Amino acid sequence: MFVINKLIWLGYTVSSGAARVIIFFLLTLVFVQKDIALFAVYYSFLTVAVIFLGQGLGTTLIKDGSEVSMKYFNYVLLLSIAAASVITLALATPTLDLNLIDTLIFAGSLSCLAINQIYRYYYIYYKKALPGLIYDLLALVLFAAGMLLCKLHLVSLKPLDIFFLAYFIATIINQIIYYIYVKRAWITVSDSKAFNGLDWKFSLNVGFVGLISTGIVFLLPYFSRELLPDESMSVLGLTISIIGIISVFSRAYMNYFYRELVECAKSKEEKVYLAINKKVIIISALVCFGSILPLIFYVKLSLSYVTFNEILAIVVPVMLFTLSSQLSLVQSNIILFLGKEKISLIFNFFVFIVVLSLFLVWQYFISISVIYLIPLMSLFLMVLYLIRYAYFRILIRTAFKNGEAV
């Protein structure tokens, strides 16, 4: 039973990243590169917005280490839907030139993803992975079914339409599974907390930290849409989708001890943090370096019309800066639980501004060859992430030494 639970846990952690890989692979079998490139931009926006909403609200729900109230939880789900609608209207519609139908579909997709990202934090905290795994697999099967119908010319839908329908149906079913599973899992659910008890400030800070740090890699297609041709955008979209699953192995290990990290910050047990951090870095390095060659050949197999030089110029740099970002994976979480989310937000905001400034300079002032765009951006990010790792390490050590843990 222990082995089965471990496999279910690993499957749940990997499933969302695996779904991204399979989704983009299926797209290459049915749609032309222009459609794939456009969906890559949409998907990058959706992913980053979900990181902001889901990580912010999800972490806030579990940060106290207490049971999550049903009423409290439901209010947060409703809030995520409202926030998804506002983000779509304020940012996605004007910047992506969405029409009315696409706006509704985009907002619906973002709402479904945000809801289930919040569920993910809930299930991670309680180490109850089965319902989350069922949702991820169901959404993927529904998406594959939609792609098959398009391939057989039985329906005429765009990638975003299929994505929304698949995740909307899966989300509805997930709600039913959740309410049944909560009772059967003997999770104590209290209604003693009120909506006003939510730590909004903490939620926004954590959301912005996730948006600026983790979200940068997923923002690359969005930032690059005016600078890269469709072929390069297709490679970038496929690469980032695969990185999503590559990075989850280290995240899977960390998430399994997520509750321990919360308690570690409270009890000032620095040894627990150091042990988990060391294992996560080792796993990240082994997986990233071991995945470069398979990833290159996978992209070539999926996009045969793209040359190896174009693939290398995107895959290798993105993989290396992803590895450098993984160095601070545990640090970023422990800093939140130490009550230092403002410092993390300021530092990550600086990184975000540097990246955005570089893209704006290259787009409007300095012409740069397409083949150098991603390598140069990755180099800047690697340096910034290494500086972040060193700074966070000193910050955490000082906090534990001075007894600043909350």
Protein backbone atom coordinates (compact mmCIF):
# COMPACT_ATOMS: atom_id res chain seq x y z
CA MET A 1 0.00 0.00 0.00
CA PHE A 2 2.88 2.35 0.80
CA VAL A 3 4.38 1.80 -2.66
CA ILE A 4 1.00 2.38 -4.33
CA ASN A 5 0.50 5.64 -2.43
CA LYS A 6 3.99 6.79 -3.46
CA LEU A 7 3.24 6.00 -7.11
CA ILE A 8 -0.08 7.84 -6.94
CA TRP A 9 1.67 10.83 -5.39
CA LEU A 10 4.37 10.86 -8.06
CA GLY A 11 1.73 10.45 -10.75
CA TYR A 12 -0.26 13.39 -9.41
CA THR A 13 2.76 15.66 -9.26
CA VAL A 14 3.85 14.69 -12.76
CA SER A 15 0.39 14.58 -14.33
CA SER A 16 -0.11 18.31 -14.93
CA GLY A 17 3.30 18.66 -16.58
CA ALA A 18 2.79 15.48 -18.59
CA ALA A 19 -0.55 16.82 -19.77
CA ARG A 20 1.17 19.92 -21.19
CA VAL A 21 3.61 17.75 -23.14
CA ILE A 22 0.89 15.52 -24.57
CA ILE A 23 -1.34 18.49 -25.40
CA PHE A 24 1.34 20.16 -27.52
CA PHE A 25 2.29 16.85 -29.14
CA LEU A 26 -1.33 16.24 -30.13
CA LEU A 27 -1.53 19.76 -31.54
CA THR A 28 1.37 18.98 -33.90
CA LEU A 29 -0.62 16.05 -35.31
CA VAL A 30 -3.75 18.05 -36.12
CA PHE A 31 -3.05 21.77 -36.47
CA VAL A 32 -0.65 23.89 -38.55
CA GLN A 33 2.31 25.72 -36.98
CA LYS A 34 0.47 29.06 -36.94
CA ASP A 35 -2.29 27.59 -34.75
CA ILE A 36 0.29 25.93 -32.49
CA ALA A 37 2.25 29.17 -32.12
CA LEU A 38 -0.92 31.09 -31.24
CA PHE A 39 -1.98 28.49 -28.69
CA ALA A 40 1.52 28.60 -27.17
CA VAL A 41 0.99 32.32 -26.50
CA TYR A 42 -2.48 31.70 -25.03
CA TYR A 43 -1.20 28.83 -22.92
CA SER A 44 1.74 30.83 -21.55
CA PHE A 45 -0.66 33.57 -20.43
CA LEU A 46 -3.04 31.04 -18.85
CA THR A 47 -0.22 29.26 -17.02
CA VAL A 48 1.22 32.43 -15.53
CA ALA A 49 -2.21 33.74 -14.48
CA VAL A 50 -2.93 30.40 -12.80
CA ILE A 51 0.37 30.57 -10.93
CA PHE A 52 -0.66 34.01 -9.64
CA LEU A 53 -4.17 32.99 -8.59
CA GLY A 54 -3.60 29.40 -7.53
CA GLN A 55 -0.30 29.82 -5.72
CA GLY A 56 -1.43 32.95 -3.91
CA LEU A 57 -4.81 31.69 -2.74
CA GLY A 58 -3.72 28.06 -2.34
CA THR A 59 -0.72 28.86 -0.13
CA THR A 60 -2.83 31.21 1.97
CA LEU A 61 -5.32 28.44 2.67
CA ILE A 62 -2.72 26.06 4.10
CA LYS A 63 -0.07 28.36 5.55
CA ASP A 64 -1.43 28.25 9.11
CA GLY A 65 -1.15 24.48 9.23
CA SER A 66 -4.77 24.27 10.41
CA GLU A 67 -7.73 22.51 8.87
CA VAL A 68 -9.25 24.28 5.90
CA SER A 69 -12.86 25.30 6.41
CA MET A 70 -15.41 24.28 3.77
CA LYS A 71 -17.03 27.72 3.73
CA TYR A 72 -13.63 29.43 3.57
CA PHE A 73 -12.54 27.11 0.78
CA ASN A 74 -15.68 27.69 -1.29
CA TYR A 75 -15.37 31.46 -1.03
CA VAL A 76 -11.82 31.25 -2.35
CA LEU A 77 -13.00 29.18 -5.32
CA LEU A 78 -15.63 31.81 -6.16
CA LEU A 79 -13.02 34.53 -5.79
CA SER A 80 -10.73 32.74 -8.25
CA ILE A 81 -13.51 32.75 -10.87
CA ALA A 82 -14.10 36.48 -10.41
CA ALA A 83 -10.37 37.23 -10.53
CA ALA A 84 -9.96 35.10 -13.67
CA SER A 85 -12.68 37.13 -15.39
CA VAL A 86 -11.07 40.43 -14.44
CA ILE A 87 -7.60 39.31 -15.59
CA THR A 88 -9.03 38.17 -18.92
CA LEU A 89 -10.90 41.42 -19.58
CA ALA A 90 -8.14 43.73 -18.34
CA LEU A 91 -5.07 41.98 -19.78
CA ALA A 92 -5.74 39.04 -22.10
CA THR A 93 -8.45 40.55 -24.31
CA PRO A 94 -6.61 43.78 -25.24
CA THR A 95 -3.10 42.31 -25.55
CA LEU A 96 -4.10 39.13 -27.39
CA ASP A 97 -6.82 40.76 -29.55
CA LEU A 98 -9.52 38.33 -28.43
CA ASN A 99 -13.04 38.63 -29.80
CA LEU A 100 -16.12 38.20 -27.59
CA ILE A 101 -16.38 34.41 -27.98
CA ASP A 102 -12.65 33.89 -27.44
CA THR A 103 -12.78 36.15 -24.38
CA LEU A 104 -15.51 34.02 -22.81
CA ILE A 105 -13.65 30.80 -23.63
CA PHE A 106 -10.37 32.23 -22.32
CA ALA A 107 -11.99 33.38 -19.05
CA GLY A 108 -13.64 29.98 -18.65
CA SER A 109 -10.36 28.15 -19.23
CA LEU A 110 -8.54 30.35 -16.72
CA SER A 111 -11.29 29.86 -14.13
CA CYS A 112 -11.15 26.07 -14.45
CA LEU A 113 -7.36 26.00 -14.18
CA ALA A 114 -7.34 28.38 -11.19
CA ILE A 115 -9.95 26.35 -9.31
CA ASN A 116 -8.03 23.15 -9.76
CA GLN A 117 -4.71 24.75 -8.85
CA ILE A 118 -6.26 25.68 -5.50
CA TYR A 119 -7.45 22.08 -5.13
CA ARG A 120 -3.87 21.00 -5.84
CA TYR A 121 -2.57 22.86 -2.77
CA TYR A 122 -5.38 21.41 -0.67
CA TYR A 123 -4.61 17.84 -1.75
CA ILE A 124 -0.85 18.36 -1.36
CA TYR A 125 -1.26 19.56 2.22
CA TYR A 126 -3.31 16.51 3.17
CA LYS A 127 -1.24 14.11 1.01
CA LYS A 128 -4.42 13.01 -0.77
CA ALA A 129 -3.38 12.81 -4.41
CA LEU A 130 -5.91 10.41 -5.95
CA PRO A 131 -8.75 12.87 -6.73
CA GLY A 132 -6.28 15.34 -8.24
CA LEU A 133 -4.73 12.63 -10.39
CA ILE A 134 -8.17 11.59 -11.62
CA TYR A 135 -8.88 15.19 -12.66
CA ASP A 136 -5.63 15.58 -14.60
CA LEU A 137 -6.09 12.28 -16.44
CA LEU A 138 -9.75 12.98 -17.19
CA ALA A 139 -8.99 16.42 -18.64
CA LEU A 140 -6.25 14.95 -20.81
CA VAL A 141 -8.48 12.14 -22.11
CA LEU A 142 -11.22 14.66 -22.96
CA PHE A 143 -8.71 16.88 -24.78
CA ALA A 144 -7.41 13.89 -26.75
CA ALA A 145 -10.98 12.97 -27.67
CA GLY A 146 -11.59 16.50 -28.95
CA MET A 147 -8.42 16.36 -31.02
CA LEU A 148 -9.50 13.04 -32.51
CA LEU A 149 -12.86 14.49 -33.52
CA CYS A 150 -11.05 17.38 -35.24
CA LYS A 151 -8.66 14.98 -36.95
CA LEU A 152 -11.62 13.00 -38.31
CA HIS A 153 -13.28 16.28 -39.41
CA LEU A 154 -16.34 15.52 -37.29
CA VAL A 155 -16.12 18.92 -35.59
CA SER A 156 -14.42 22.21 -36.43
CA LEU A 157 -12.83 23.68 -33.32
CA LYS A 158 -9.78 25.75 -32.47
CA PRO A 159 -7.18 24.48 -29.95
CA LEU A 160 -8.43 26.89 -27.27
CA ASP A 161 -12.03 25.68 -27.77
CA ILE A 162 -11.03 22.05 -27.23
CA PHE A 163 -8.91 22.98 -24.22
CA PHE A 164 -11.79 24.83 -22.56
CA LEU A 165 -14.36 22.07 -23.13
CA ALA A 166 -12.02 19.39 -21.80
CA TYR A 167 -11.08 21.24 -18.63
CA PHE A 168 -14.60 22.56 -18.01
CA ILE A 169 -16.10 19.06 -18.01
CA ALA A 170 -13.22 17.72 -15.90
CA THR A 171 -13.64 20.57 -13.40
CA ILE A 172 -17.35 19.86 -12.91
CA ILE A 173 -16.61 16.18 -12.29
CA ASN A 174 -13.76 17.13 -9.94
CA GLN A 175 -16.16 19.11 -7.74
CA ILE A 176 -18.30 16.02 -7.30
CA ILE A 177 -15.27 13.84 -6.54
CA TYR A 178 -13.96 16.40 -4.03
CA TYR A 179 -17.11 16.58 -1.93
CA ILE A 180 -17.39 12.78 -1.85
CA TYR A 181 -13.68 12.24 -1.18
CA VAL A 182 -13.43 14.80 1.62
CA LYS A 183 -15.91 12.82 3.69
CA ARG A 184 -14.38 9.44 2.93
CA ALA A 185 -10.84 10.66 3.62
CA TRP A 186 -11.84 11.73 7.14
CA ILE A 187 -10.55 15.24 6.62
CA THR A 188 -11.94 17.43 9.37
CA VAL A 189 -13.78 20.32 7.79
CA SER A 190 -14.86 23.25 9.93
CA ASP A 191 -17.05 26.20 9.04
CA SER A 192 -15.75 28.39 11.85
CA LYS A 193 -13.72 30.71 9.62
CA ALA A 194 -15.25 33.54 7.66
CA PHE A 195 -14.39 35.02 4.31
CA ASN A 196 -12.96 38.14 5.95
CA GLY A 197 -10.41 36.00 7.75
CA LEU A 198 -8.40 35.39 4.60
CA ASP A 199 -4.95 36.96 4.69
CA TRP A 200 -5.34 38.99 1.49
CA LYS A 201 -2.00 40.74 1.80
CA PHE A 202 -0.15 37.45 2.11
CA SER A 203 -2.14 35.99 -0.77
CA LEU A 204 -1.26 38.87 -3.11
CA ASN A 205 2.41 38.81 -2.12
CA VAL A 206 2.69 35.06 -2.69
CA GLY A 207 0.79 35.34 -5.96
CA PHE A 208 3.12 38.02 -7.26
CA VAL A 209 6.17 36.04 -6.14
CA GLY A 210 4.97 33.06 -8.15
CA LEU A 211 4.03 35.24 -11.11
CA ILE A 212 7.43 36.89 -11.25
CA SER A 213 9.69 33.95 -10.40
CA THR A 214 8.17 30.68 -11.62
CA GLY A 215 6.06 32.44 -14.22
CA ILE A 216 8.96 33.91 -16.19
CA VAL A 217 9.69 30.69 -18.07
CA PHE A 218 6.04 30.39 -19.09
CA LEU A 219 5.94 34.06 -20.11
CA LEU A 220 8.65 33.59 -22.74
CA PRO A 221 6.18 32.75 -25.55
CA TYR A 222 4.04 35.74 -24.59
CA PHE A 223 7.00 38.13 -24.57
CA SER A 224 8.51 36.63 -27.72
CA ARG A 225 5.38 36.63 -29.86
CA GLU A 226 6.36 39.82 -31.72
CA LEU A 227 10.02 38.83 -32.15
CA LEU A 228 10.08 35.16 -33.15
CA PRO A 229 8.69 33.49 -36.30
CA ASP A 230 6.02 30.78 -36.06
CA GLU A 231 8.59 27.96 -36.34
CA SER A 232 10.59 29.23 -33.36
CA MET A 233 7.42 29.91 -31.38
CA SER A 234 6.32 26.32 -31.96
CA VAL A 235 9.68 25.04 -30.69
CA LEU A 236 9.53 27.35 -27.68
CA GLY A 237 5.98 26.32 -26.82
CA LEU A 238 6.79 22.62 -27.07
CA THR A 239 10.03 23.02 -25.08
CA ILE A 240 8.35 24.88 -22.24
CA SER A 241 5.53 22.34 -22.11
CA ILE A 242 8.11 19.58 -21.63
CA ILE A 243 10.06 21.58 -19.05
CA GLY A 244 6.85 21.59 -17.06
CA ILE A 245 7.12 17.84 -16.55
CA ILE A 246 10.91 17.82 -16.17
CA SER A 247 10.76 20.28 -13.29
CA VAL A 248 8.03 18.42 -11.43
CA PHE A 249 10.29 15.60 -10.24
CA SER A 250 12.10 17.92 -7.84
CA ARG A 251 8.80 19.62 -7.03
CA ALA A 252 7.24 16.22 -6.32
CA TYR A 253 9.88 15.52 -3.69
CA MET A 254 9.44 18.96 -2.14
CA ASN A 255 5.64 18.81 -2.21
CA TYR A 256 5.63 15.50 -0.39
CA PHE A 257 7.35 17.27 2.50
CA TYR A 258 5.36 20.51 2.10
CA ARG A 259 3.70 20.12 5.46
CA GLU A 260 7.09 19.48 7.04
CA LEU A 261 8.38 22.75 5.55
CA VAL A 262 5.49 24.64 7.15
CA GLU A 263 6.30 23.06 10.52
CA CYS A 264 10.02 23.62 9.95
CA ALA A 265 9.50 27.38 9.74
CA LYS A 266 7.48 27.34 12.95
CA SER A 267 9.81 25.14 14.99
CA LYS A 268 13.06 26.67 13.68
CA GLU A 269 14.38 23.27 12.54
CA GLU A 270 16.96 24.40 9.98
CA LYS A 271 18.25 20.85 9.46
CA VAL A 272 14.92 19.80 7.95
CA TYR A 273 15.05 22.64 5.43
CA LEU A 274 18.69 21.93 4.52
CA ALA A 275 18.05 18.22 3.96
CA ILE A 276 15.04 18.80 1.70
CA ASN A 277 16.80 21.62 -0.17
CA LYS A 278 19.87 19.46 -0.88
CA LYS A 279 17.79 16.59 -2.26
CA VAL A 280 15.73 18.92 -4.47
CA ILE A 281 18.85 20.49 -6.01
CA ILE A 282 20.39 17.07 -6.73
CA ILE A 283 17.17 15.81 -8.33
CA SER A 284 16.87 18.99 -10.42
CA ALA A 285 20.43 18.71 -11.74
CA LEU A 286 20.15 15.01 -12.62
CA VAL A 287 16.81 15.40 -14.37
CA CYS A 288 17.73 18.57 -16.29
CA PHE A 289 21.08 17.34 -17.63
CA GLY A 290 19.66 13.91 -18.37
CA SER A 291 16.75 15.37 -20.32
CA ILE A 292 18.54 17.69 -22.75
CA LEU A 293 19.27 15.14 -25.51
CA PRO A 294 15.89 13.35 -25.30
CA LEU A 295 14.17 16.74 -25.38
CA ILE A 296 16.06 17.83 -28.50
CA PHE A 297 15.12 14.67 -30.38
CA TYR A 298 11.53 14.84 -29.15
CA VAL A 299 11.12 18.38 -30.48
CA LYS A 300 12.71 17.35 -33.79
CA LEU A 301 10.35 14.38 -34.04
CA SER A 302 7.33 16.57 -33.34
CA LEU A 303 8.44 19.49 -35.55
CA SER A 304 10.35 17.86 -38.40
CA TYR A 305 10.38 21.05 -40.48
CA VAL A 306 12.57 22.85 -37.89
CA THR A 307 16.37 22.52 -38.13
CA PHE A 308 18.55 21.15 -35.32
CA ASN A 309 20.30 24.52 -35.00
CA GLU A 310 16.99 26.27 -34.33
CA ILE A 311 16.08 23.62 -31.76
CA LEU A 312 19.46 23.77 -30.01
CA ALA A 313 19.31 27.57 -29.81
CA ILE A 314 16.12 27.31 -27.77
CA VAL A 315 16.18 23.99 -25.91
CA VAL A 316 19.65 24.12 -24.32
CA PRO A 317 19.51 27.72 -23.00
CA VAL A 318 15.97 27.33 -21.66
CA MET A 319 16.90 24.08 -19.90
CA LEU A 320 19.95 25.68 -18.26
CA PHE A 321 18.13 28.71 -16.92
CA THR A 322 15.32 26.43 -15.74
CA LEU A 323 17.88 24.47 -13.72
CA SER A 324 19.22 27.68 -12.20
CA SER A 325 15.67 28.67 -11.24
CA GLN A 326 15.14 25.28 -9.53
CA LEU A 327 18.01 26.02 -7.13
CA SER A 328 15.71 28.35 -5.20
CA LEU A 329 12.63 26.11 -5.28
CA VAL A 330 12.68 25.16 -1.60
CA GLN A 331 14.10 28.54 -0.60
CA SER A 332 11.19 30.41 -2.18
CA ASN A 333 8.69 28.39 -0.15
CA ILE A 334 10.51 28.49 3.18
CA ILE A 335 10.89 32.27 2.85
CA LEU A 336 7.11 32.58 2.59
CA PHE A 337 6.61 30.55 5.75
CA LEU A 338 9.26 32.63 7.52
CA GLY A 339 7.10 35.69 6.86
CA LYS A 340 9.57 37.29 4.44
CA GLU A 341 7.40 37.28 1.34
CA LYS A 342 7.96 41.03 0.81
CA ILE A 343 11.70 40.56 0.36
CA SER A 344 11.09 37.71 -2.05
CA LEU A 345 8.58 39.82 -3.95
CA ILE A 346 10.96 42.78 -4.29
CA PHE A 347 13.86 40.66 -5.52
CA ASN A 348 11.76 38.68 -8.00
CA PHE A 349 10.11 41.89 -9.20
CA PHE A 350 13.57 43.22 -10.02
CA VAL A 351 14.26 40.10 -12.11
CA PHE A 352 10.94 40.53 -13.90
CA ILE A 353 11.65 44.19 -14.73
CA VAL A 354 15.06 43.28 -16.16
CA VAL A 355 13.54 40.62 -18.40
CA LEU A 356 10.69 42.84 -19.56
CA SER A 357 13.08 45.73 -20.25
CA LEU A 358 15.32 43.53 -22.38
CA PHE A 359 12.40 42.37 -24.51
CA LEU A 360 11.16 45.94 -24.97
CA VAL A 361 14.64 47.17 -25.92
CA TRP A 362 15.07 44.36 -28.45
CA GLN A 363 11.61 44.93 -29.88
CA TYR A 364 11.66 48.72 -30.27
CA PHE A 365 15.26 49.95 -30.14
CA ILE A 366 17.89 47.31 -30.92
CA SER A 367 17.42 44.75 -33.67
CA ILE A 368 18.62 41.30 -32.65
CA SER A 369 18.96 38.12 -34.68
CA VAL A 370 16.25 35.58 -33.93
CA ILE A 371 18.74 32.83 -33.16
CA TYR A 372 20.38 34.90 -30.38
CA LEU A 373 17.19 36.05 -28.64
CA ILE A 374 16.48 33.09 -26.35
CA PRO A 375 20.19 32.30 -25.60
CA LEU A 376 20.87 35.88 -24.50
CA MET A 377 17.71 36.06 -22.42
CA SER A 378 18.54 32.72 -20.81
CA LEU A 379 22.05 33.91 -19.95
CA PHE A 380 20.69 36.99 -18.18
CA LEU A 381 18.20 34.83 -16.28
CA MET A 382 20.85 32.32 -15.22
CA VAL A 383 22.98 35.06 -13.69
CA LEU A 384 20.01 36.64 -11.93
CA TYR A 385 18.78 33.30 -10.58
CA LEU A 386 22.23 32.41 -9.23
CA ILE A 387 22.38 35.76 -7.45
CA ARG A 388 18.89 35.07 -6.06
CA TYR A 389 20.00 31.65 -4.77
CA ALA A 390 23.01 33.11 -2.95
CA TYR A 391 20.98 35.96 -1.46
CA PHE A 392 18.10 33.74 -0.30
CA ARG A 393 20.54 31.29 1.27
CA ILE A 394 22.07 34.05 3.40
CA LEU A 395 18.62 35.42 4.25
CA ILE A 396 17.26 32.07 5.43
CA ARG A 397 20.38 31.18 7.43
CA THR A 398 20.22 34.54 9.21
CA ALA A 399 16.50 34.12 9.94
CA PHE A 400 16.99 30.70 11.56
CA LYS A 401 20.07 31.86 13.45
CA ASN A 402 18.26 34.88 14.90
CA GLY A 403 15.11 32.90 15.70
CA GLU A 404 12.99 34.84 13.22
CA ALA A 405 10.94 31.82 12.14
CA VAL A 406 7.22 32.32 12.64
